[in-house]
Amino acid sequence: MKKLFFVGLYQSITLLLLPFFLLFILGTLLRKPIYRKNMAQRFGLYPATFFKLLQGKKVVWIHAASVGEVMMSRFFVRSFKARHPDSAIVFSTITPTGQAAAREYLSDFVVSFIYFPFDYFWIARGVVRRISPTLFIFMETEIWPNCLRSLSKRKIPSIMANGRISTRSFPGYQKLRPFISLVLNDVSLFLMQSAQDAERLIRLGAPLNRVEETGNMKYDQAGSAEDQVSGACASFAAMGLSEDQLLMIAGSTRPGEEDAVLKAYRILHSKMPGLRLMIAPRHLGRLDAVEGLVSAAGFQSIRKGQISGPSLKEDVDTPKVILMDTLGELASFYALAHFIFVGGSLAPFGGHNPLEPAACKKPVFFGGHMENFQEIAEQLTRSGGGIQVADGNELAERILWLSKHPEEYEQRAQAAYDVVFNHRGAVQRNLDRIALLMEKI
């Protein structure tokens, strides 16, 4: 009775908000044409050829919302396919950038790529029925009540992989605990990143016997052979630099951070004239704005895609700041950098993944807002491989000090590397646990 009440309440609220939601979608389509290609799929309207590809096959549906989850899941998907070669993987995302990344990096292992449907009961029910997967795996915290309920009613197991409940989102989930606990009951297995994540999920009402701590797959992805090879593919020539030049990268920067990075670079350039800077905004739609910030700071900028030949070897007094204008390549360029700052951390965005530069055996600089990677940031800081800074001045100060103490630099670089490789194994543990579940299907 309780479940019927909350399910009915959820359906009623979503239906009442539907007109406003449709207006929001219309506005999005007008402002961002990139979303027009996928909108039909989000309403459950997929090409007929998509379902024909799945006929007669043992379908496994894997979902990762956006670029971050897609990039994290690459090693897992590849390993899953190697272990279950007869499975036909359908891979869904929500964002166009996530879809593009999935198609670029997972095309050898996936039968079909789709956009995840909106969570209205008639849409979710129809998509689940037509895909008819034997298993649904969703990354991190993609909790969609109608989709999970539709799967459960058809007795299709669903698994949260690399699950986490962030410090920021936990209080909000607690307020909705009576409803959330019912939704979690539709999930067959929760494979959580940490003991804290597992404990929080249980407090939200997840069945105790379905929750396990298996570790964070980001360590496996960062240390995978795939990423090490991609790192070797990047080159100084691709940035118009010579191999003896020092490179600083500010990766996944968010609004409010580029100014601090440029301030640090101005200080560093006065002491280290040969140092070059690459800024990789988290969202490419901000490139024009970042170019304006670079110009206002007194530097020239050039997008990586515009570089041809040794165009950046000249003009030491007024160097060009390189702007990364492509998706999915940042990790490969970390291998070339000497000093790496990971963004989303000076401003309150929760931080971004510091393991990729750590796996390249580099000390990692980040700000005080690493809530989304709290455990990882603490491990790196304790080891000495992670260096927390408060602003652009401190970033410049710490980089300058390390540049004058090469032995300390090497020790911190090794410490960062060790954190990655000492915490691998989550992918294998998850695959083992999923295999046990699949044996019962």
Protein backbone atom coordinates (compact mmCIF):
# COMPACT_ATOMS: atom_id res chain seq x y z
CA MET A 1 0.00 0.00 0.00
CA LYS A 2 2.84 2.35 0.94
CA LYS A 3 4.63 1.59 -2.32
CA LEU A 4 1.49 2.23 -4.39
CA PHE A 5 1.03 5.57 -2.65
CA PHE A 6 4.56 6.83 -3.33
CA VAL A 7 4.64 5.47 -6.88
CA GLY A 8 1.30 7.16 -7.57
CA LEU A 9 2.56 10.40 -6.04
CA TYR A 10 5.71 10.32 -8.20
CA GLN A 11 3.67 9.68 -11.35
CA SER A 12 1.20 12.45 -10.48
CA ILE A 13 3.93 15.01 -9.84
CA THR A 14 5.80 14.17 -13.05
CA LEU A 15 2.55 14.39 -15.05
CA LEU A 16 1.60 17.73 -13.49
CA LEU A 17 5.04 19.10 -14.37
CA LEU A 18 4.98 17.68 -17.91
CA PRO A 19 3.79 20.93 -19.63
CA PHE A 20 6.56 22.90 -17.94
CA PHE A 21 9.06 20.17 -18.79
CA LEU A 22 8.05 20.31 -22.45
CA LEU A 23 8.52 24.08 -22.47
CA PHE A 24 11.97 23.59 -20.96
CA ILE A 25 12.82 21.04 -23.66
CA LEU A 26 11.64 23.44 -26.36
CA GLY A 27 13.84 26.19 -24.96
CA THR A 28 16.80 23.84 -24.82
CA LEU A 29 16.30 22.84 -28.46
CA LEU A 30 16.17 26.49 -29.52
CA ARG A 31 19.25 27.48 -27.50
CA LYS A 32 21.33 24.34 -28.06
CA PRO A 33 20.82 22.77 -31.50
CA ILE A 34 23.17 19.90 -30.57
CA TYR A 35 20.34 18.37 -28.53
CA ARG A 36 17.98 18.16 -31.50
CA LYS A 37 19.58 14.98 -32.83
CA ASN A 38 18.87 12.97 -29.71
CA MET A 39 15.53 14.30 -28.52
CA ALA A 40 13.36 11.73 -30.32
CA GLN A 41 15.30 8.92 -28.66
CA ARG A 42 14.80 10.49 -25.24
CA PHE A 43 11.06 10.13 -25.85
CA GLY A 44 11.59 6.45 -26.66
CA LEU A 45 11.55 6.81 -30.46
CA TYR A 46 14.51 4.80 -31.71
CA PRO A 47 15.34 3.76 -35.29
CA ALA A 48 13.74 0.43 -36.21
CA THR A 49 17.16 -0.92 -37.18
CA PHE A 50 18.30 -0.52 -33.58
CA PHE A 51 15.95 -3.21 -32.25
CA LYS A 52 16.67 -5.55 -35.19
CA LEU A 53 20.32 -5.63 -34.16
CA LEU A 54 19.29 -7.05 -30.79
CA GLN A 55 16.97 -9.83 -31.94
CA GLY A 56 17.99 -13.27 -30.70
CA LYS A 57 20.89 -11.92 -28.64
CA LYS A 58 21.66 -11.88 -24.92
CA VAL A 59 21.46 -8.12 -24.38
CA VAL A 60 23.25 -6.31 -21.56
CA TRP A 61 22.29 -2.66 -21.18
CA ILE A 62 24.97 -0.40 -19.68
CA HIS A 63 24.21 3.22 -18.82
CA ALA A 64 26.63 6.09 -18.15
CA ALA A 65 25.17 9.59 -18.02
CA SER A 66 27.89 11.86 -19.38
CA VAL A 67 31.53 12.12 -20.42
CA GLY A 68 32.99 11.53 -16.96
CA GLU A 69 31.10 8.27 -16.42
CA VAL A 70 31.79 7.13 -19.99
CA MET A 71 35.54 7.68 -19.67
CA MET A 72 35.58 5.93 -16.29
CA SER A 73 33.69 2.90 -17.63
CA ARG A 74 35.92 2.15 -20.64
CA PHE A 75 38.10 -0.46 -18.94
CA PHE A 76 35.06 -2.04 -17.31
CA VAL A 77 33.16 -2.35 -20.61
CA ARG A 78 36.18 -3.79 -22.40
CA SER A 79 36.78 -6.29 -19.58
CA PHE A 80 33.09 -7.22 -19.41
CA LYS A 81 33.00 -7.95 -23.14
CA ALA A 82 36.15 -10.07 -22.91
CA ARG A 83 34.57 -12.09 -20.11
CA HIS A 84 31.15 -12.36 -21.79
CA PRO A 85 31.91 -12.35 -25.54
CA ASP A 86 28.45 -13.61 -26.50
CA SER A 87 26.68 -10.67 -24.89
CA ALA A 88 25.34 -7.84 -27.02
CA ILE A 89 26.00 -4.58 -25.21
CA VAL A 90 23.66 -1.61 -25.58
CA PHE A 91 25.27 1.54 -24.20
CA SER A 92 23.22 4.60 -23.27
CA THR A 93 24.12 8.15 -22.29
CA ILE A 94 22.21 11.33 -21.56
CA THR A 95 24.43 14.09 -22.92
CA PRO A 96 25.55 14.50 -26.56
CA THR A 97 29.18 14.83 -25.43
CA GLY A 98 28.86 11.60 -23.49
CA GLN A 99 27.39 9.92 -26.57
CA ALA A 100 30.26 11.16 -28.73
CA ALA A 101 32.84 9.88 -26.24
CA ALA A 102 31.10 6.50 -25.99
CA ARG A 103 31.03 6.07 -29.76
CA GLU A 104 34.69 7.03 -30.06
CA TYR A 105 36.06 4.80 -27.32
CA LEU A 106 33.65 1.87 -27.06
CA SER A 107 32.64 1.09 -30.64
CA ASP A 108 34.65 -2.16 -30.67
CA PHE A 109 32.67 -3.58 -27.76
CA VAL A 110 29.14 -2.19 -28.15
CA VAL A 111 26.41 -3.28 -30.56
CA SER A 112 24.24 -0.16 -30.26
CA PHE A 113 24.53 3.31 -28.75
CA ILE A 114 21.38 5.09 -27.63
CA TYR A 115 20.22 8.05 -25.61
CA PHE A 116 18.61 7.16 -22.29
CA PRO A 117 14.82 7.71 -22.27
CA PHE A 118 13.06 10.29 -20.13
CA ASP A 119 11.75 8.71 -16.93
CA TYR A 120 8.03 8.81 -17.68
CA PHE A 121 6.35 5.49 -16.97
CA TRP A 122 4.99 4.91 -20.49
CA ILE A 123 8.34 5.78 -22.09
CA ALA A 124 10.44 3.71 -19.68
CA ARG A 125 8.10 0.74 -19.89
CA GLY A 126 8.14 0.72 -23.70
CA VAL A 127 11.92 1.03 -24.00
CA VAL A 128 12.57 -1.72 -21.44
CA ARG A 129 10.10 -4.00 -23.23
CA ARG A 130 11.67 -3.44 -26.66
CA ILE A 131 15.29 -3.73 -25.55
CA SER A 132 14.41 -6.63 -23.23
CA PRO A 133 17.88 -6.86 -21.66
CA THR A 134 18.97 -9.77 -19.51
CA LEU A 135 20.82 -7.30 -17.28
CA PHE A 136 20.93 -3.54 -16.70
CA ILE A 137 24.10 -1.94 -15.29
CA PHE A 138 24.10 1.75 -14.40
CA MET A 139 27.16 3.74 -13.37
CA GLU A 140 27.45 5.70 -10.13
CA THR A 141 24.12 7.27 -9.05
CA GLU A 142 21.82 7.24 -12.08
CA ILE A 143 18.64 6.42 -10.15
CA TRP A 144 15.59 6.62 -12.43
CA PRO A 145 12.50 5.27 -10.60
CA ASN A 146 10.29 4.33 -13.56
CA CYS A 147 13.09 2.64 -15.47
CA LEU A 148 14.15 0.61 -12.43
CA ARG A 149 10.53 -0.29 -11.64
CA SER A 150 9.91 -1.42 -15.23
CA LEU A 151 12.99 -3.64 -15.09
CA SER A 152 11.99 -5.09 -11.72
CA LYS A 153 8.44 -5.89 -12.89
CA ARG A 154 9.90 -7.84 -15.81
CA LYS A 155 12.32 -9.59 -13.39
CA ILE A 156 15.36 -8.09 -15.13
CA PRO A 157 18.24 -7.62 -12.64
CA SER A 158 19.69 -4.12 -12.31
CA ILE A 159 23.10 -3.30 -10.84
CA MET A 160 24.55 -0.02 -9.61
CA ALA A 161 28.26 -0.20 -10.48
CA ASN A 162 30.89 2.11 -9.00
CA GLY A 163 28.09 3.50 -6.87
CA ARG A 164 28.54 6.58 -4.74
CA ILE A 165 26.45 8.90 -2.61
CA SER A 166 28.26 12.22 -2.40
CA THR A 167 28.46 14.39 0.69
CA ARG A 168 26.58 17.09 -1.17
CA SER A 169 23.68 14.91 -2.37
CA PHE A 170 23.21 12.74 0.74
CA PRO A 171 21.14 15.27 2.78
CA GLY A 172 18.77 15.74 -0.17
CA TYR A 173 18.30 11.99 -0.55
CA GLN A 174 17.64 11.70 3.19
CA LYS A 175 14.71 14.09 2.91
CA LEU A 176 13.19 11.75 0.31
CA ARG A 177 14.06 8.54 2.16
CA PRO A 178 10.50 7.07 2.27
CA PHE A 179 10.38 7.22 -1.54
CA ILE A 180 14.08 6.53 -2.22
CA SER A 181 14.03 3.37 -0.12
CA LEU A 182 11.24 1.96 -2.31
CA VAL A 183 13.15 2.80 -5.48
CA LEU A 184 16.33 1.19 -4.13
CA ASN A 185 14.36 -1.96 -3.40
CA ASP A 186 13.94 -2.39 -7.18
CA VAL A 187 17.73 -2.66 -7.63
CA SER A 188 19.24 -6.14 -7.47
CA LEU A 189 22.80 -5.26 -6.42
CA PHE A 190 24.78 -2.22 -5.31
CA LEU A 191 28.55 -2.26 -5.90
CA MET A 192 29.81 0.79 -4.03
CA GLN A 193 33.07 2.71 -4.25
CA SER A 194 33.74 2.94 -0.51
CA ALA A 195 32.54 1.86 2.91
CA GLN A 196 31.13 5.36 3.42
CA ASP A 197 29.13 5.15 0.18
CA ALA A 198 27.80 1.73 1.21
CA GLU A 199 26.85 2.97 4.68
CA ARG A 200 25.03 6.00 3.27
CA LEU A 201 23.08 3.86 0.82
CA ILE A 202 21.99 1.50 3.60
CA ARG A 203 20.87 4.50 5.65
CA LEU A 204 18.73 5.52 2.67
CA GLY A 205 16.97 2.16 2.82
CA ALA A 206 18.85 -0.12 0.43
CA PRO A 207 18.55 -3.79 1.48
CA LEU A 208 21.64 -4.66 3.54
CA ASN A 209 22.26 -7.98 1.79
CA ARG A 210 22.44 -6.29 -1.64
CA VAL A 211 25.08 -3.66 -0.80
CA GLU A 212 28.81 -4.39 -1.20
CA GLU A 213 31.95 -2.27 -1.14
CA THR A 214 34.06 -3.26 -4.16
CA GLY A 215 36.24 -0.18 -4.68
CA ASN A 216 36.49 2.62 -7.19
CA MET A 217 36.89 1.67 -10.86
CA LYS A 218 38.52 5.03 -11.57
CA TYR A 219 41.79 3.60 -10.26
CA ASP A 220 41.60 0.74 -12.77
CA GLN A 221 40.77 3.04 -15.65
CA ALA A 222 43.55 5.48 -14.81
CA GLY A 223 46.07 2.67 -14.60
CA SER A 224 44.84 0.67 -17.59
CA ALA A 225 47.10 -0.17 -20.50
CA GLU A 226 44.64 1.69 -22.74
CA ASP A 227 45.34 5.00 -21.04
CA GLN A 228 49.07 4.39 -20.93
CA VAL A 229 49.10 3.78 -24.70
CA SER A 230 46.96 6.85 -25.39
CA GLY A 231 49.41 8.90 -23.35
CA ALA A 232 52.22 7.80 -25.61
CA CYS A 233 50.24 8.97 -28.64
CA ALA A 234 50.22 12.59 -27.51
CA SER A 235 53.29 14.58 -28.46
CA PHE A 236 54.90 17.94 -27.92
CA ALA A 237 54.79 18.36 -31.70
CA ALA A 238 50.98 18.23 -31.53
CA MET A 239 51.17 21.38 -29.44
CA GLY A 240 53.91 23.06 -31.42
CA LEU A 241 56.38 22.68 -28.55
CA SER A 242 59.87 21.29 -28.30
CA GLU A 243 60.52 18.38 -25.93
CA ASP A 244 62.77 20.43 -23.68
CA GLN A 245 60.00 22.92 -22.85
CA LEU A 246 58.17 22.78 -19.52
CA LEU A 247 54.40 22.41 -19.77
CA MET A 248 51.72 23.28 -17.23
CA ILE A 249 48.18 21.94 -17.73
CA ALA A 250 45.04 23.18 -16.02
CA GLY A 251 42.53 20.41 -16.71
CA SER A 252 38.73 20.42 -16.49
CA THR A 253 38.57 24.04 -15.35
CA ARG A 254 35.26 25.62 -14.39
CA PRO A 255 34.03 29.24 -14.22
CA GLY A 256 36.04 31.29 -11.75
CA GLU A 257 39.16 29.13 -12.03
CA GLU A 258 40.85 30.29 -15.23
CA ASP A 259 41.58 33.70 -13.70
CA ALA A 260 43.43 32.01 -10.81
CA VAL A 261 45.36 29.76 -13.20
CA LEU A 262 46.35 32.72 -15.41
CA LYS A 263 47.45 34.66 -12.34
CA ALA A 264 49.66 31.74 -11.33
CA TYR A 265 51.02 31.49 -14.85
CA ARG A 266 51.93 35.19 -14.94
CA ILE A 267 53.97 34.74 -11.75
CA LEU A 268 55.58 31.53 -12.98
CA HIS A 269 56.40 32.86 -16.42
CA SER A 270 58.39 35.71 -14.89
CA LYS A 271 60.55 33.10 -13.12
CA MET A 272 60.40 30.32 -15.72
CA PRO A 273 60.21 31.99 -19.17
CA GLY A 274 60.17 28.68 -21.02
CA LEU A 275 57.04 27.41 -19.24
CA ARG A 276 53.96 26.95 -21.44
CA LEU A 277 50.33 26.66 -20.31
CA MET A 278 47.46 24.56 -21.62
CA ILE A 279 43.95 25.17 -20.31
CA ALA A 280 41.30 22.50 -20.88
CA PRO A 281 37.83 23.85 -19.91
CA ARG A 282 35.49 21.18 -18.61
CA HIS A 283 32.86 22.31 -21.10
CA LEU A 284 33.94 23.24 -24.63
CA GLY A 285 31.06 25.70 -24.92
CA ARG A 286 33.10 28.03 -22.69
CA LEU A 287 36.07 28.28 -25.07
CA ASP A 288 35.11 31.75 -26.32
CA ALA A 289 34.78 33.02 -22.75
CA VAL A 290 38.13 31.52 -21.76
CA GLU A 291 39.78 33.13 -24.79
CA GLY A 292 38.50 36.47 -23.50
CA LEU A 293 40.01 35.79 -20.06
CA VAL A 294 43.36 34.89 -21.60
CA SER A 295 43.38 38.11 -23.61
CA ALA A 296 42.39 40.18 -20.57
CA ALA A 297 45.30 38.61 -18.66
CA GLY A 298 47.72 39.88 -21.30
CA PHE A 299 48.40 36.60 -23.07
CA GLN A 300 47.62 35.34 -26.55
CA SER A 301 45.65 32.12 -27.01
CA ILE A 302 45.52 29.43 -29.63
CA ARG A 303 43.25 26.41 -29.85
CA LYS A 304 45.02 23.08 -30.09
CA GLY A 305 43.19 22.25 -33.31
CA GLN A 306 44.70 25.35 -34.95
CA ILE A 307 48.31 24.42 -34.20
CA SER A 308 50.45 23.28 -37.08
CA GLY A 309 54.18 22.81 -36.71
CA PRO A 310 56.38 24.66 -34.25
CA SER A 311 54.10 27.71 -34.04
CA LEU A 312 54.53 28.08 -30.29
CA LYS A 313 58.31 28.02 -30.12
CA GLU A 314 58.53 31.71 -30.84
CA ASP A 315 57.74 34.86 -28.89
CA VAL A 316 58.97 33.88 -25.43
CA ASP A 317 57.95 37.28 -23.98
CA THR A 318 54.29 36.90 -24.95
CA PRO A 319 53.60 33.15 -25.07
CA LYS A 320 50.42 31.68 -26.45
CA VAL A 321 48.18 29.86 -24.00
CA ILE A 322 46.97 26.62 -25.59
CA LEU A 323 43.26 25.87 -25.26
CA MET A 324 42.19 22.24 -25.50
CA ASP A 325 39.28 22.19 -27.95
CA THR A 326 38.61 18.46 -28.23
CA LEU A 327 37.00 15.84 -26.00
CA GLY A 328 38.69 12.78 -24.56
CA GLU A 329 42.32 13.77 -25.20
CA LEU A 330 43.19 15.49 -21.96
CA ALA A 331 44.42 12.35 -20.17
CA SER A 332 46.86 11.62 -22.98
CA PHE A 333 48.44 15.08 -22.69
CA TYR A 334 48.88 14.77 -18.95
CA ALA A 335 51.77 12.43 -19.70
CA LEU A 336 53.67 15.35 -21.28
CA ALA A 337 53.04 17.92 -18.56
CA HIS A 338 55.37 18.77 -15.70
CA PHE A 339 52.82 20.58 -13.52
CA ILE A 340 49.12 19.66 -13.49
CA PHE A 341 46.21 21.41 -11.81
CA VAL A 342 42.86 19.61 -11.75
CA GLY A 343 39.90 21.97 -11.92
CA GLY A 344 36.45 22.11 -10.44
CA SER A 345 38.26 22.37 -7.12
CA LEU A 346 39.08 26.05 -6.51
CA ALA A 347 35.45 26.94 -7.12
CA PRO A 348 32.73 24.86 -5.39
CA PHE A 349 32.06 22.28 -8.11
CA GLY A 350 33.19 19.17 -6.22
CA GLY A 351 36.40 18.62 -8.15
CA HIS A 352 37.34 16.40 -11.08
CA ASN A 353 39.32 13.18 -11.41
CA PRO A 354 42.92 13.57 -10.15
CA LEU A 355 43.87 9.95 -10.87
CA GLU A 356 44.66 10.41 -14.56
CA PRO A 357 47.63 12.75 -13.94
CA ALA A 358 48.66 10.63 -10.93
CA ALA A 359 48.80 7.55 -13.17
CA CYS A 360 51.19 9.49 -15.43
CA LYS A 361 53.52 9.77 -12.43
CA LYS A 362 52.97 13.48 -11.86
CA PRO A 363 52.27 15.40 -8.64
CA VAL A 364 48.67 16.66 -8.74
CA PHE A 365 47.57 20.15 -7.68
CA PHE A 366 43.94 20.83 -6.75
CA GLY A 367 41.85 23.24 -4.71
CA GLY A 368 39.86 22.73 -1.53
CA HIS A 369 36.59 21.64 -3.18
CA MET A 370 37.17 17.94 -3.91
CA GLU A 371 33.92 16.63 -2.42
CA ASN A 372 33.23 14.36 -5.40
CA PHE A 373 36.67 12.78 -5.01
CA GLN A 374 37.11 13.22 -1.28
CA GLU A 375 38.65 9.82 -0.52
CA ILE A 376 40.98 9.97 -3.53
CA ALA A 377 42.07 13.52 -2.72
CA GLU A 378 42.80 12.53 0.88
CA GLN A 379 44.86 9.52 -0.23
CA LEU A 380 46.89 11.65 -2.62
CA THR A 381 47.42 14.39 -0.05
CA ARG A 382 48.49 11.94 2.68
CA SER A 383 50.96 10.30 0.32
CA GLY A 384 52.44 13.62 -0.78
CA GLY A 385 51.36 13.03 -4.37
CA GLY A 386 48.50 15.52 -4.09
CA ILE A 387 49.05 19.18 -3.28
CA GLN A 388 46.09 21.28 -2.18
CA VAL A 389 46.18 25.02 -2.91
CA ALA A 390 43.89 27.87 -1.96
CA ASP A 391 44.31 30.22 -4.93
CA GLY A 392 46.47 31.23 -7.88
CA ASN A 393 49.19 32.70 -5.68
CA GLU A 394 49.65 29.48 -3.73
CA LEU A 395 49.52 27.42 -6.91
CA ALA A 396 52.40 29.48 -8.33
CA GLU A 397 54.32 29.31 -5.07
CA ARG A 398 54.08 25.52 -4.75
CA ILE A 399 54.96 24.90 -8.40
CA LEU A 400 57.94 27.23 -8.19
CA TRP A 401 59.19 25.48 -5.05
CA LEU A 402 58.91 22.03 -6.68
CA SER A 403 60.73 23.26 -9.78
CA LYS A 404 63.70 24.11 -7.56
CA HIS A 405 63.64 20.77 -5.72
CA PRO A 406 63.75 18.02 -8.33
CA GLU A 407 64.23 15.22 -5.79
CA GLU A 408 61.09 16.28 -3.95
CA TYR A 409 59.25 16.46 -7.29
CA GLU A 410 60.24 12.86 -8.11
CA GLN A 411 59.23 11.59 -4.67
CA ARG A 412 55.81 13.22 -4.93
CA ALA A 413 55.36 11.97 -8.50
CA GLN A 414 56.11 8.40 -7.40
CA ALA A 415 53.75 8.75 -4.43
CA ALA A 416 50.90 9.84 -6.72
CA TYR A 417 51.60 6.91 -9.04
CA ASP A 418 51.63 4.45 -6.13
CA VAL A 419 48.19 5.61 -4.96
CA VAL A 420 46.72 4.63 -8.32
CA PHE A 421 48.37 1.24 -8.59
CA ASN A 422 47.87 0.24 -4.97
CA HIS A 423 44.10 0.67 -5.23
CA ARG A 424 43.36 -1.20 -8.45
CA GLY A 425 41.09 -4.24 -8.57
CA ALA A 426 37.56 -2.81 -8.43
CA VAL A 427 36.78 -3.80 -12.02
CA GLN A 428 37.73 -7.42 -11.39
CA ARG A 429 35.75 -7.53 -8.13
CA ASN A 430 32.72 -6.05 -9.87
CA LEU A 431 32.98 -8.49 -12.77
CA ASP A 432 33.23 -11.41 -10.37
CA ARG A 433 30.13 -10.29 -8.48
CA ILE A 434 28.18 -9.61 -11.68
CA ALA A 435 29.13 -13.05 -13.02
CA LEU A 436 27.63 -14.70 -9.95
CA LEU A 437 24.39 -12.83 -10.56
CA MET A 438 24.36 -13.67 -14.26
CA GLU A 439 24.67 -17.38 -13.47
CA LYS A 440 21.26 -17.17 -11.82
CA ILE A 441 19.56 -15.49 -14.79
